[in-house]
C-alpha atoms as a PDB file:
ATOM      1  CA  MET A   1      10.376  15.051 -16.846  1.00  0.00           C
ATOM      2  CA  ALA A   2       7.397  16.886 -18.362  1.00  0.00           C
ATOM      3  CA  ARG A   3       6.332  13.716 -20.162  1.00  0.00           C
ATOM      4  CA  ARG A   4       6.608  11.695 -16.961  1.00  0.00           C
ATOM      5  CA  MET A   5       4.575  14.198 -14.928  1.00  0.00           C
ATOM      6  CA  ASN A   6       1.232  13.373 -16.499  1.00  0.00           C
ATOM      7  CA  LEU A   7      -2.198  13.580 -14.886  1.00  0.00           C
ATOM      8  CA  PRO A   8      -2.114  10.126 -13.226  1.00  0.00           C
ATOM      9  CA  ASN A   9       1.294  10.866 -11.685  1.00  0.00           C
ATOM     10  CA  ALA A  10       0.079  14.288 -10.541  1.00  0.00           C
ATOM     11  CA  LEU A  11      -2.848  12.614  -8.755  1.00  0.00           C
ATOM     12  CA  THR A  12      -0.405  10.262  -7.037  1.00  0.00           C
ATOM     13  CA  LEU A  13       1.593  13.268  -5.813  1.00  0.00           C
ATOM     14  CA  VAL A  14      -1.620  14.860  -4.531  1.00  0.00           C
ATOM     15  CA  ARG A  15      -2.201  11.715  -2.452  1.00  0.00           C
ATOM     16  CA  ILE A  16       1.308  11.994  -1.003  1.00  0.00           C
ATOM     17  CA  PHE A  17       0.760  15.646  -0.025  1.00  0.00           C
ATOM     18  CA  LEU A  18      -2.643  14.860   1.524  1.00  0.00           C
ATOM     19  CA  ALA A  19      -1.081  12.372   3.977  1.00  0.00           C
ATOM     20  CA  PRO A  20       0.628  15.001   6.223  1.00  0.00           C
ATOM     21  CA  LEU A  21      -2.409  17.263   5.899  1.00  0.00           C
ATOM     22  CA  LEU A  22      -4.547  14.433   7.284  1.00  0.00           C
ATOM     23  CA  VAL A  23      -2.237  14.086  10.299  1.00  0.00           C
ATOM     24  CA  VAL A  24      -2.364  17.836  10.986  1.00  0.00           C
ATOM     25  CA  VAL A  25      -6.155  17.903  10.831  1.00  0.00           C
ATOM     26  CA  LEU A  26      -6.636  14.868  13.074  1.00  0.00           C
ATOM     27  CA  LEU A  27      -3.988  15.582  15.704  1.00  0.00           C
ATOM     28  CA  THR A  28      -4.139  19.374  16.028  1.00  0.00           C
ATOM     29  CA  GLU A  29      -6.302  20.698  18.877  1.00  0.00           C
ATOM     30  CA  PHE A  30      -8.712  23.072  17.172  1.00  0.00           C
ATOM     31  CA  GLU A  31     -11.075  25.217  19.221  1.00  0.00           C
ATOM     32  CA  GLY A  32     -14.307  23.295  19.616  1.00  0.00           C
ATOM     33  CA  ARG A  33     -12.790  20.536  17.439  1.00  0.00           C
ATOM     34  CA  ARG A  34     -14.128  22.375  14.409  1.00  0.00           C
ATOM     35  CA  ILE A  35     -12.511  23.586  11.188  1.00  0.00           C
ATOM     36  CA  LEU A  36     -14.388  26.275   9.265  1.00  0.00           C
ATOM     37  CA  GLY A  37     -17.595  25.226  10.976  1.00  0.00           C
ATOM     38  CA  ALA A  38     -17.220  21.489  10.343  1.00  0.00           C
ATOM     39  CA  SER A  39     -16.052  18.909  12.872  1.00  0.00           C
ATOM     40  CA  LYS A  40     -12.418  17.981  12.388  1.00  0.00           C
ATOM     41  CA  GLU A  41     -13.390  14.288  12.294  1.00  0.00           C
ATOM     42  CA  LEU A  42     -15.595  14.962   9.274  1.00  0.00           C
ATOM     43  CA  VAL A  43     -12.873  17.060   7.621  1.00  0.00           C
ATOM     44  CA  GLY A  44     -10.324  14.306   8.253  1.00  0.00           C
ATOM     45  CA  ALA A  45     -12.653  11.660   6.827  1.00  0.00           C
ATOM     46  CA  ALA A  46     -13.248  13.844   3.751  1.00  0.00           C
ATOM     47  CA  ILE A  47      -9.503  14.313   3.191  1.00  0.00           C
ATOM     48  CA  PHE A  48      -8.890  10.583   3.540  1.00  0.00           C
ATOM     49  CA  ALA A  49     -11.802   9.721   1.232  1.00  0.00           C
ATOM     50  CA  LEU A  50     -10.542  12.188  -1.399  1.00  0.00           C
ATOM     51  CA  ALA A  51      -7.012  10.791  -1.199  1.00  0.00           C
ATOM     52  CA  SER A  52      -8.340   7.228  -1.471  1.00  0.00           C
ATOM     53  CA  MET A  53     -10.314   8.167  -4.581  1.00  0.00           C
ATOM     54  CA  THR A  54      -7.130   9.388  -6.258  1.00  0.00           C
ATOM     55  CA  ASP A  55      -5.678   5.897  -5.679  1.00  0.00           C
ATOM     56  CA  TRP A  56      -8.361   4.417  -7.938  1.00  0.00           C
ATOM     57  CA  LEU A  57      -8.466   7.358 -10.332  1.00  0.00           C
ATOM     58  CA  ASP A  58      -4.737   7.558 -11.107  1.00  0.00           C
ATOM     59  CA  GLY A  59      -4.602   3.863 -12.034  1.00  0.00           C
ATOM     60  CA  TYR A  60      -7.760   4.125 -14.144  1.00  0.00           C
ATOM     61  CA  LEU A  61      -6.500   7.169 -16.044  1.00  0.00           C
ATOM     62  CA  ALA A  62      -3.019   5.701 -16.528  1.00  0.00           C
ATOM     63  CA  ARG A  63      -4.488   2.586 -18.185  1.00  0.00           C
ATOM     64  CA  ARG A  64      -7.178   4.387 -20.163  1.00  0.00           C
ATOM     65  CA  ARG A  65      -4.834   7.092 -21.484  1.00  0.00           C
ATOM     66  CA  ARG A  66      -1.880   4.705 -21.849  1.00  0.00           C
ATOM     67  CA  GLN A  67       0.212   6.811 -19.507  1.00  0.00           C
ATOM     68  CA  VAL A  68       1.661   4.044 -17.366  1.00  0.00           C
ATOM     69  CA  THR A  69       5.199   5.169 -16.478  1.00  0.00           C
ATOM     70  CA  TRP A  70       8.046   3.884 -14.348  1.00  0.00           C
ATOM     71  CA  LEU A  71       7.672   6.959 -12.124  1.00  0.00           C
ATOM     72  CA  GLY A  72       3.999   6.233 -11.540  1.00  0.00           C
ATOM     73  CA  GLN A  73       4.638   2.569 -10.782  1.00  0.00           C
ATOM     74  CA  MET A  74       7.251   3.591  -8.219  1.00  0.00           C
ATOM     75  CA  LEU A  75       5.271   6.411  -6.567  1.00  0.00           C
ATOM     76  CA  ASP A  76       1.852   4.725  -6.390  1.00  0.00           C
ATOM     77  CA  PRO A  77       2.652   2.114  -3.689  1.00  0.00           C
ATOM     78  CA  ILE A  78       4.672   4.708  -1.764  1.00  0.00           C
ATOM     79  CA  ALA A  79       1.687   7.067  -1.770  1.00  0.00           C
ATOM     80  CA  ASP A  80      -0.640   4.277  -0.592  1.00  0.00           C
ATOM     81  CA  LYS A  81       1.627   3.348   2.299  1.00  0.00           C
ATOM     82  CA  LEU A  82       2.163   6.961   3.354  1.00  0.00           C
ATOM     83  CA  LEU A  83      -1.564   7.643   3.377  1.00  0.00           C
ATOM     84  CA  THR A  84      -2.672   4.528   5.247  1.00  0.00           C
ATOM     85  CA  SER A  85       0.265   4.682   7.690  1.00  0.00           C
ATOM     86  CA  ALA A  86      -0.489   8.341   8.467  1.00  0.00           C
ATOM     87  CA  ALA A  87      -4.141   7.495   9.083  1.00  0.00           C
ATOM     88  CA  PHE A  88      -3.439   4.437  11.241  1.00  0.00           C
ATOM     89  CA  ILE A  89      -0.808   6.184  13.373  1.00  0.00           C
ATOM     90  CA  SER A  90      -3.230   9.055  13.921  1.00  0.00           C
ATOM     91  CA  LEU A  91      -5.915   6.579  14.989  1.00  0.00           C
ATOM     92  CA  VAL A  92      -3.530   5.102  17.553  1.00  0.00           C
ATOM     93  CA  GLN A  93      -2.691   8.565  18.886  1.00  0.00           C
ATOM     94  CA  LEU A  94      -6.415   9.264  19.220  1.00  0.00           C
ATOM     95  CA  ASN A  95      -6.991   5.934  21.017  1.00  0.00           C
ATOM     96  CA  LEU A  96      -9.257   4.773  18.210  1.00  0.00           C
ATOM     97  CA  ALA A  97      -7.176   1.737  17.239  1.00  0.00           C
ATOM     98  CA  PRO A  98      -4.953  -0.673  19.236  1.00  0.00           C
ATOM     99  CA  ALA A  99      -1.262   0.020  18.705  1.00  0.00           C
ATOM    100  CA  TRP A 100      -0.390  -3.681  18.290  1.00  0.00           C
ATOM    101  CA  MET A 101      -2.862  -4.112  15.425  1.00  0.00           C
ATOM    102  CA  VAL A 102      -1.557  -1.043  13.632  1.00  0.00           C
ATOM    103  CA  ALA A 103       2.038  -2.190  14.181  1.00  0.00           C
ATOM    104  CA  MET A 104       1.251  -5.531  12.520  1.00  0.00           C
ATOM    105  CA  ILE A 105      -0.551  -3.893   9.608  1.00  0.00           C
ATOM    106  CA  ILE A 106       2.221  -1.355   8.927  1.00  0.00           C
ATOM    107  CA  GLY A 107       4.907  -3.993   9.518  1.00  0.00           C
ATOM    108  CA  ARG A 108       3.272  -6.115   6.853  1.00  0.00           C
ATOM    109  CA  GLU A 109       3.541  -3.199   4.408  1.00  0.00           C
ATOM    110  CA  PHE A 110       7.284  -2.881   4.954  1.00  0.00           C
ATOM    111  CA  ALA A 111       7.785  -6.661   4.765  1.00  0.00           C
ATOM    112  CA  VAL A 112       5.946  -6.980   1.434  1.00  0.00           C
ATOM    113  CA  THR A 113       7.750  -3.943   0.022  1.00  0.00           C
ATOM    114  CA  GLY A 114      11.077  -5.512   0.985  1.00  0.00           C
ATOM    115  CA  LEU A 115      10.053  -8.825  -0.584  1.00  0.00           C
ATOM    116  CA  ARG A 116       9.056  -7.160  -3.858  1.00  0.00           C
ATOM    117  CA  SER A 117      12.333  -5.214  -3.907  1.00  0.00           C
ATOM    118  CA  LEU A 118      14.229  -8.437  -3.317  1.00  0.00           C
ATOM    119  CA  ALA A 119      12.361 -10.082  -6.171  1.00  0.00           C
ATOM    120  CA  HIS A 120      13.333  -7.191  -8.439  1.00  0.00           C
ATOM    121  CA  THR A 121      17.014  -7.624  -7.584  1.00  0.00           C
ATOM    122  CA  ARG A 122      16.657 -11.320  -8.424  1.00  0.00           C
ATOM    123  CA  GLY A 123      15.385 -10.469 -11.889  1.00  0.00           C
ATOM    124  CA  PHE A 124      11.647 -11.095 -11.637  1.00  0.00           C
ATOM    125  CA  THR A 125       8.526  -9.137 -10.739  1.00  0.00           C
ATOM    126  CA  LEU A 126       6.231  -9.946  -7.840  1.00  0.00           C
ATOM    127  CA  ALA A 127       2.943  -8.514  -9.073  1.00  0.00           C
ATOM    128  CA  ALA A 128       0.253  -7.183  -6.766  1.00  0.00           C
ATOM    129  CA  SER A 129      -2.197  -9.877  -5.737  1.00  0.00           C
ATOM    130  CA  PRO A 130      -6.001  -9.647  -5.518  1.00  0.00           C
ATOM    131  CA  LEU A 131      -5.616 -10.282  -1.788  1.00  0.00           C
ATOM    132  CA  GLY A 132      -3.447  -7.184  -1.524  1.00  0.00           C
ATOM    133  CA  LYS A 133      -6.104  -5.111  -3.283  1.00  0.00           C
ATOM    134  CA  THR A 134      -8.761  -6.512  -0.940  1.00  0.00           C
ATOM    135  CA  LYS A 135      -6.570  -5.501   1.980  1.00  0.00           C
ATOM    136  CA  MET A 136      -6.307  -1.934   0.663  1.00  0.00           C
ATOM    137  CA  ALA A 137     -10.078  -1.665   0.197  1.00  0.00           C
ATOM    138  CA  SER A 138     -10.725  -2.975   3.709  1.00  0.00           C
ATOM    139  CA  GLN A 139      -8.239  -0.439   5.113  1.00  0.00           C
ATOM    140  CA  VAL A 140     -10.103   2.447   3.489  1.00  0.00           C
ATOM    141  CA  VAL A 141     -13.450   1.226   4.842  1.00  0.00           C
ATOM    142  CA  ALA A 142     -12.113   0.637   8.368  1.00  0.00           C
ATOM    143  CA  ILE A 143     -10.377   4.026   8.607  1.00  0.00           C
ATOM    144  CA  LEU A 144     -13.419   5.927   7.340  1.00  0.00           C
ATOM    145  CA  LEU A 145     -15.748   4.090   9.748  1.00  0.00           C
ATOM    146  CA  LEU A 146     -13.456   4.745  12.713  1.00  0.00           C
ATOM    147  CA  LEU A 147     -13.082   8.447  11.868  1.00  0.00           C
ATOM    148  CA  LEU A 148     -16.814   8.956  11.388  1.00  0.00           C
ATOM    149  CA  GLY A 149     -17.571   6.892  14.485  1.00  0.00           C
ATOM    150  CA  TRP A 150     -15.235   9.105  16.511  1.00  0.00           C
ATOM    151  CA  GLY A 151     -17.263  12.203  15.686  1.00  0.00           C
ATOM    152  CA  PRO A 152     -20.608  12.680  13.962  1.00  0.00           C
ATOM    153  CA  LEU A 153     -21.733   9.032  13.693  1.00  0.00           C
ATOM    154  CA  PRO A 154     -20.760   7.140  16.869  1.00  0.00           C
ATOM    155  CA  MET A 155     -22.864   4.129  15.865  1.00  0.00           C
ATOM    156  CA  LEU A 156     -20.252   3.369  13.182  1.00  0.00           C
ATOM    157  CA  ALA A 157     -17.411   2.905  15.687  1.00  0.00           C
ATOM    158  CA  PRO A 158     -18.134  -0.790  16.498  1.00  0.00           C
ATOM    159  CA  ILE A 159     -18.450  -1.565  12.790  1.00  0.00           C
ATOM    160  CA  GLY A 160     -15.145   0.203  12.173  1.00  0.00           C
ATOM    161  CA  TYR A 161     -13.436  -1.817  14.865  1.00  0.00           C
ATOM    162  CA  ALA A 162     -14.791  -5.041  13.344  1.00  0.00           C
ATOM    163  CA  ALA A 163     -13.533  -3.869   9.945  1.00  0.00           C
ATOM    164  CA  LEU A 164     -10.107  -3.307  11.506  1.00  0.00           C
ATOM    165  CA  TRP A 165      -9.970  -7.001  12.388  1.00  0.00           C
ATOM    166  CA  MET A 166     -10.766  -7.762   8.733  1.00  0.00           C
ATOM    167  CA  VAL A 167      -7.860  -5.522   7.724  1.00  0.00           C
ATOM    168  CA  LEU A 168      -5.527  -7.426  10.036  1.00  0.00           C
ATOM    169  CA  LEU A 169      -6.707 -10.773   8.666  1.00  0.00           C
ATOM    170  CA  ALA A 170      -6.350  -9.612   5.052  1.00  0.00           C
ATOM    171  CA  ALA A 171      -2.884  -8.207   5.816  1.00  0.00           C
ATOM    172  CA  VAL A 172      -1.631 -11.494   7.275  1.00  0.00           C
ATOM    173  CA  VAL A 173      -3.177 -13.700   4.567  1.00  0.00           C
ATOM    174  CA  SER A 174      -1.916 -11.492   1.723  1.00  0.00           C
ATOM    175  CA  ALA A 175       1.584 -11.375   3.258  1.00  0.00           C
ATOM    176  CA  VAL A 176       1.679 -15.195   3.329  1.00  0.00           C
ATOM    177  CA  ASP A 177       0.451 -15.230  -0.278  1.00  0.00           C
ATOM    178  CA  TYR A 178       3.253 -12.869  -1.364  1.00  0.00           C
ATOM    179  CA  TYR A 179       5.867 -15.020   0.363  1.00  0.00           C
ATOM    180  CA  ARG A 180       4.579 -18.225  -1.234  1.00  0.00           C
ATOM    181  CA  ARG A 181       4.562 -16.655  -4.715  1.00  0.00           C
ATOM    182  CA  PHE A 182       8.063 -15.328  -4.146  1.00  0.00           C
ATOM    183  CA  GLN A 183       9.273 -18.819  -3.248  1.00  0.00           C
ATOM    184  CA  ARG A 184       7.549 -20.363  -6.287  1.00  0.00           C
ATOM    185  CA  LEU A 185       9.070 -17.820  -8.663  1.00  0.00           C
ATOM    186  CA  LEU A 186      12.493 -18.219  -7.099  1.00  0.00           C
ATOM    187  CA  ASN A 187      12.337 -22.015  -7.336  1.00  0.00           C
ATOM    188  CA  ALA A 188      11.160 -21.776 -10.945  1.00  0.00           C
ATOM    189  CA  ARG A 189      14.141 -19.588 -11.860  1.00  0.00           C
ATOM    190  CA  VAL A 190      16.538 -22.005 -10.198  1.00  0.00           C
ATOM    191  CA  THR A 191      14.931 -24.890 -12.113  1.00  0.00           C
ATOM    192  CA  ASP A 192      15.321 -22.979 -15.387  1.00  0.00           C
ATOM    193  CA  LEU A 193      19.018 -22.442 -14.643  1.00  0.00           C
ATOM    194  CA  ASN A 194      19.516 -26.159 -13.971  1.00  0.00           C
ATOM    195  CA  LEU A 195      17.852 -26.999 -17.273  1.00  0.00           C
ATOM    196  CA  ALA A 196      20.022 -24.432 -19.043  1.00  0.00           C
ATOM    197  CA  ARG A 197      23.146 -26.004 -17.538  1.00  0.00           C
ATOM    198  CA  GLU A 198      22.053 -29.504 -18.588  1.00  0.00           C
ATOM    199  CA  SER A 199      21.158 -28.432 -22.123  1.00  0.00           C
ATOM    200  CA  GLY A 200      24.634 -27.037 -22.776  1.00  0.00           C
ATOM    201  CA  LEU A 201      23.164 -24.134 -24.759  1.00  0.00           C
ATOM    202  CA  PHE A 202      24.749 -21.585 -22.406  1.00  0.00           C
ATOM    203  CA  SER A 203      28.261 -21.318 -21.112  1.00  0.00           C
ATOM    204  CA  GLU A 204      28.911 -22.244 -17.482  1.00  0.00           C
ATOM    205  CA  ARG A 205      30.088 -18.703 -16.848  1.00  0.00           C
ATOM    206  CA  HIS A 206      26.714 -17.244 -17.923  1.00  0.00           C
ATOM    207  CA  VAL A 207      24.774 -19.822 -15.924  1.00  0.00           C
ATOM    208  CA  VAL A 208      26.804 -19.178 -12.783  1.00  0.00           C
ATOM    209  CA  ALA A 209      26.417 -15.399 -13.153  1.00  0.00           C
ATOM    210  CA  ALA A 210      22.621 -15.744 -13.464  1.00  0.00           C
ATOM    211  CA  GLU A 211      22.564 -18.145 -10.528  1.00  0.00           C
ATOM    212  CA  GLU A 212      24.430 -15.685  -8.330  1.00  0.00           C
ATOM    213  CA  ARG A 213      21.962 -12.958  -9.236  1.00  0.00           C
ATOM    214  CA  ILE A 214      18.983 -15.104  -8.216  1.00  0.00           C
ATOM    215  CA  THR A 215      20.379 -16.569  -5.019  1.00  0.00           C
ATOM    216  CA  GLY A 216      22.205 -13.420  -3.948  1.00  0.00           C
END
């Protein structure tokens, strides 16, 4: 366990622990809406920005220090979803974001996670797409703009709302992209099994077992 709990994984855990802290800061009624002299909107934005930085930093350090682990690969997407879901749900509670948009964005996260899990059970990996990374970046920008527009910089609120539409568009397009890649990979595996059956290099029992694993 000590070898698995390296610096990149520790940063991922920090991001997980910052998610509930963000909710507490944003949704708790502080006197004068201030925390230690600073507006709670600014404190919330700072917490979210710090947590978002760890998302980039843990991946960078894991690759640079060759500390990519199974634990880190499992925890990283969970931490991302916890953080963004906590922020979006808080925005809905504060009437800063429409509930239907947030429901679609979070629903997309669960759908893609389920699709990637299904791909894993079928014996192949559905890698993260550039569209998915664009979606994550747009989420960070939109949330920060909405939080800052709620408090110290109200002129940013309309820009944040426009960015939220970009998040929704990126979420839908990337979800379609994941589904199409899943179908292509699944069809390719089925084609490989048919070729294996025709070649006669593998027994029918092995081919059927592999086919059952892919098709479920």
